[in-house]
Amino acid sequence: QSQLVESGGGSVRNGGSLRLSCAASSSTLDYYAVGWFRQAPGKEREGVACISGTDDTTYYADSVKGRFTISRDNAKNMVALEMNSLKPEDTAVYYCKADIISTPEAMCAGGPTGAWGQGTQVTVSS
């Protein structure tokens, strides 16, 4: 799997927007399922948005449906997460992960394989 680097985190007010990027330093990210996960203090890490490595179908957690969009930019070997209408409960460290998993549902369910990025902080204030 590729080494991954997240960027684009920051601090916004309730209702604001951010765009996160997950870039691969090696290999070709297009061949892998990619997921965005988040972990808030005292909470378990959860998959919020994932995209297939075979047909680019997507999955979103109920908590972010209609607000977040995951997409690929293969020319830049990157996967983005567009986050709109952000809420304080979206505050977390956001991580990207790449793995050889065919369905986005399976990707967001988590598993022991795959490569993780280092995470980027997203803070949403009231």
C-alpha atoms as a PDB file:
ATOM      1  CA  GLN A   1       0.000   0.000   0.000  1.00  0.00           C
ATOM      2  CA  SER A   2       0.977   3.631  -0.526  1.00  0.00           C
ATOM      3  CA  GLN A   3       2.190   5.978   2.166  1.00  0.00           C
ATOM      4  CA  LEU A   4      -0.614   8.506   2.659  1.00  0.00           C
ATOM      5  CA  VAL A   5      -0.622  12.147   3.747  1.00  0.00           C
ATOM      6  CA  GLU A   6      -3.750  14.077   4.756  1.00  0.00           C
ATOM      7  CA  SER A   7      -4.063  17.838   4.491  1.00  0.00           C
ATOM      8  CA  GLY A   8      -6.707  20.555   4.569  1.00  0.00           C
ATOM      9  CA  GLY A   9      -7.836  20.391   8.170  1.00  0.00           C
ATOM     10  CA  GLY A  10      -8.493  23.493  10.205  1.00  0.00           C
ATOM     11  CA  SER A  11     -10.947  25.373  12.378  1.00  0.00           C
ATOM     12  CA  VAL A  12     -14.330  26.596  11.108  1.00  0.00           C
ATOM     13  CA  ARG A  13     -17.595  27.847  12.551  1.00  0.00           C
ATOM     14  CA  ASN A  14     -20.806  25.857  12.639  1.00  0.00           C
ATOM     15  CA  GLY A  15     -22.151  25.619   9.076  1.00  0.00           C
ATOM     16  CA  GLY A  16     -18.774  26.134   7.448  1.00  0.00           C
ATOM     17  CA  SER A  17     -16.937  24.018   4.885  1.00  0.00           C
ATOM     18  CA  LEU A  18     -13.561  22.336   4.506  1.00  0.00           C
ATOM     19  CA  ARG A  19     -11.915  20.222   1.824  1.00  0.00           C
ATOM     20  CA  LEU A  20      -9.529  17.497   2.919  1.00  0.00           C
ATOM     21  CA  SER A  21      -7.012  15.804   0.629  1.00  0.00           C
ATOM     22  CA  CYS A  22      -5.416  12.369   0.864  1.00  0.00           C
ATOM     23  CA  ALA A  23      -2.314  12.044  -1.286  1.00  0.00           C
ATOM     24  CA  ALA A  24      -0.244   8.949  -1.982  1.00  0.00           C
ATOM     25  CA  SER A  25       3.528   9.323  -1.940  1.00  0.00           C
ATOM     26  CA  SER A  26       4.028   6.114  -3.911  1.00  0.00           C
ATOM     27  CA  SER A  27       2.056   3.551  -5.891  1.00  0.00           C
ATOM     28  CA  THR A  28      -1.220   4.400  -7.665  1.00  0.00           C
ATOM     29  CA  LEU A  29      -4.115   5.241  -5.383  1.00  0.00           C
ATOM     30  CA  ASP A  30      -6.638   4.509  -8.141  1.00  0.00           C
ATOM     31  CA  TYR A  31      -6.063   0.778  -7.604  1.00  0.00           C
ATOM     32  CA  TYR A  32      -7.178   0.901  -3.970  1.00  0.00           C
ATOM     33  CA  ALA A  33     -10.365   1.450  -2.073  1.00  0.00           C
ATOM     34  CA  VAL A  34      -9.923   4.634  -0.044  1.00  0.00           C
ATOM     35  CA  GLY A  35     -11.730   5.670   3.095  1.00  0.00           C
ATOM     36  CA  TRP A  36     -11.976   8.719   5.294  1.00  0.00           C
ATOM     37  CA  PHE A  37     -12.197   7.896   8.994  1.00  0.00           C
ATOM     38  CA  ARG A  38     -12.458  10.163  11.994  1.00  0.00           C
ATOM     39  CA  GLN A  39     -11.721   9.849  15.679  1.00  0.00           C
ATOM     40  CA  ALA A  40     -12.953  12.293  18.301  1.00  0.00           C
ATOM     41  CA  PRO A  41     -11.518  12.380  21.839  1.00  0.00           C
ATOM     42  CA  GLY A  42     -12.779   9.409  23.819  1.00  0.00           C
ATOM     43  CA  LYS A  43     -14.500   7.925  20.767  1.00  0.00           C
ATOM     44  CA  GLU A  44     -13.807   4.968  18.508  1.00  0.00           C
ATOM     45  CA  ARG A  45     -12.477   5.594  15.015  1.00  0.00           C
ATOM     46  CA  GLU A  46     -15.331   5.475  12.499  1.00  0.00           C
ATOM     47  CA  GLY A  47     -15.538   5.322   8.725  1.00  0.00           C
ATOM     48  CA  VAL A  48     -17.458   8.295   7.347  1.00  0.00           C
ATOM     49  CA  ALA A  49     -16.884   8.244   3.570  1.00  0.00           C
ATOM     50  CA  CYS A  50     -15.358   5.540   1.373  1.00  0.00           C
ATOM     51  CA  ILE A  51     -14.879   4.924  -2.337  1.00  0.00           C
ATOM     52  CA  SER A  52     -14.424   1.669  -4.233  1.00  0.00           C
ATOM     53  CA  GLY A  53     -11.155   0.713  -5.882  1.00  0.00           C
ATOM     54  CA  THR A  54     -12.939  -0.981  -8.786  1.00  0.00           C
ATOM     55  CA  ASP A  55     -15.927   1.147  -9.834  1.00  0.00           C
ATOM     56  CA  ASP A  56     -15.716   4.327  -7.688  1.00  0.00           C
ATOM     57  CA  THR A  57     -19.021   3.662  -5.969  1.00  0.00           C
ATOM     58  CA  THR A  58     -19.272   5.400  -2.599  1.00  0.00           C
ATOM     59  CA  TYR A  59     -20.544   4.894   0.909  1.00  0.00           C
ATOM     60  CA  TYR A  60     -21.342   7.515   3.542  1.00  0.00           C
ATOM     61  CA  ALA A  61     -22.103   7.155   7.203  1.00  0.00           C
ATOM     62  CA  ASP A  62     -25.593   8.343   8.116  1.00  0.00           C
ATOM     63  CA  SER A  63     -24.111  11.160  10.172  1.00  0.00           C
ATOM     64  CA  VAL A  64     -22.537  12.804   7.102  1.00  0.00           C
ATOM     65  CA  LYS A  65     -24.898  11.889   4.244  1.00  0.00           C
ATOM     66  CA  GLY A  66     -25.845  14.917   2.189  1.00  0.00           C
ATOM     67  CA  ARG A  67     -23.021  16.983   3.693  1.00  0.00           C
ATOM     68  CA  PHE A  68     -19.778  15.168   2.758  1.00  0.00           C
ATOM     69  CA  THR A  69     -18.591  14.074  -0.693  1.00  0.00           C
ATOM     70  CA  ILE A  70     -15.658  11.768  -1.443  1.00  0.00           C
ATOM     71  CA  SER A  71     -14.054  11.899  -4.890  1.00  0.00           C
ATOM     72  CA  ARG A  72     -10.913  10.940  -6.794  1.00  0.00           C
ATOM     73  CA  ASP A  73      -8.447  13.028  -8.750  1.00  0.00           C
ATOM     74  CA  ASN A  74      -6.380  10.328 -10.414  1.00  0.00           C
ATOM     75  CA  ALA A  75      -4.121  12.797 -12.224  1.00  0.00           C
ATOM     76  CA  LYS A  76      -2.953  14.034  -8.821  1.00  0.00           C
ATOM     77  CA  ASN A  77      -3.018  10.570  -7.215  1.00  0.00           C
ATOM     78  CA  MET A  78      -5.339  12.029  -4.586  1.00  0.00           C
ATOM     79  CA  VAL A  79      -8.707  11.461  -2.922  1.00  0.00           C
ATOM     80  CA  ALA A  80     -10.650  14.425  -1.558  1.00  0.00           C
ATOM     81  CA  LEU A  81     -13.314  14.807   1.098  1.00  0.00           C
ATOM     82  CA  GLU A  82     -15.536  17.848   0.655  1.00  0.00           C
ATOM     83  CA  MET A  83     -17.268  18.695   3.921  1.00  0.00           C
ATOM     84  CA  ASN A  84     -20.184  21.134   3.966  1.00  0.00           C
ATOM     85  CA  SER A  85     -22.618  22.278   6.651  1.00  0.00           C
ATOM     86  CA  LEU A  86     -20.128  21.283   9.320  1.00  0.00           C
ATOM     87  CA  LYS A  87     -21.347  20.772  12.871  1.00  0.00           C
ATOM     88  CA  PRO A  88     -19.491  20.785  16.198  1.00  0.00           C
ATOM     89  CA  GLU A  89     -20.007  17.026  16.381  1.00  0.00           C
ATOM     90  CA  ASP A  90     -17.843  16.690  13.253  1.00  0.00           C
ATOM     91  CA  THR A  91     -14.832  17.786  15.309  1.00  0.00           C
ATOM     92  CA  ALA A  92     -12.229  15.009  15.145  1.00  0.00           C
ATOM     93  CA  VAL A  93      -8.914  13.950  13.693  1.00  0.00           C
ATOM     94  CA  TYR A  94      -9.595  12.758  10.155  1.00  0.00           C
ATOM     95  CA  TYR A  95      -7.534   9.931   8.660  1.00  0.00           C
ATOM     96  CA  CYS A  96      -7.425   8.410   5.206  1.00  0.00           C
ATOM     97  CA  LYS A  97      -6.815   4.738   4.558  1.00  0.00           C
ATOM     98  CA  ALA A  98      -6.133   2.709   1.420  1.00  0.00           C
ATOM     99  CA  ASP A  99      -6.712  -1.021   1.076  1.00  0.00           C
ATOM    100  CA  ILE A 100      -7.453  -3.731  -1.471  1.00  0.00           C
ATOM    101  CA  ILE A 101     -11.167  -3.935  -0.698  1.00  0.00           C
ATOM    102  CA  SER A 102     -13.771  -4.004  -3.455  1.00  0.00           C
ATOM    103  CA  THR A 103     -16.787  -2.354  -1.821  1.00  0.00           C
ATOM    104  CA  PRO A 104     -16.921   1.013  -0.079  1.00  0.00           C
ATOM    105  CA  GLU A 105     -19.188  -0.450   2.593  1.00  0.00           C
ATOM    106  CA  ALA A 106     -16.526  -2.976   3.547  1.00  0.00           C
ATOM    107  CA  MET A 107     -13.866  -0.276   3.491  1.00  0.00           C
ATOM    108  CA  CYS A 108     -15.732   1.951   5.939  1.00  0.00           C
ATOM    109  CA  ALA A 109     -16.455  -0.996   8.213  1.00  0.00           C
ATOM    110  CA  GLY A 110     -12.727  -1.114   8.944  1.00  0.00           C
ATOM    111  CA  GLY A 111     -10.257  -3.957   9.114  1.00  0.00           C
ATOM    112  CA  PRO A 112      -6.715  -4.949  10.048  1.00  0.00           C
ATOM    113  CA  THR A 113      -5.148  -4.431   6.620  1.00  0.00           C
ATOM    114  CA  GLY A 114      -4.321  -1.338   4.633  1.00  0.00           C
ATOM    115  CA  ALA A 115      -2.233   1.801   5.037  1.00  0.00           C
ATOM    116  CA  TRP A 116      -3.101   4.863   7.136  1.00  0.00           C
ATOM    117  CA  GLY A 117      -2.152   8.484   6.903  1.00  0.00           C
ATOM    118  CA  GLN A 118      -1.079  10.512   9.926  1.00  0.00           C
ATOM    119  CA  GLY A 119      -4.351  12.424  10.312  1.00  0.00           C
ATOM    120  CA  THR A 120      -5.471  16.041  10.090  1.00  0.00           C
ATOM    121  CA  GLN A 121      -7.423  17.948  12.744  1.00  0.00           C
ATOM    122  CA  VAL A 122     -10.877  19.345  11.988  1.00  0.00           C
ATOM    123  CA  THR A 123     -12.440  21.619  14.595  1.00  0.00           C
ATOM    124  CA  VAL A 124     -15.955  23.051  14.278  1.00  0.00           C
ATOM    125  CA  SER A 125     -16.998  25.661  16.813  1.00  0.00           C
ATOM    126  CA  SER A 126     -20.494  26.790  17.769  1.00  0.00           C
END
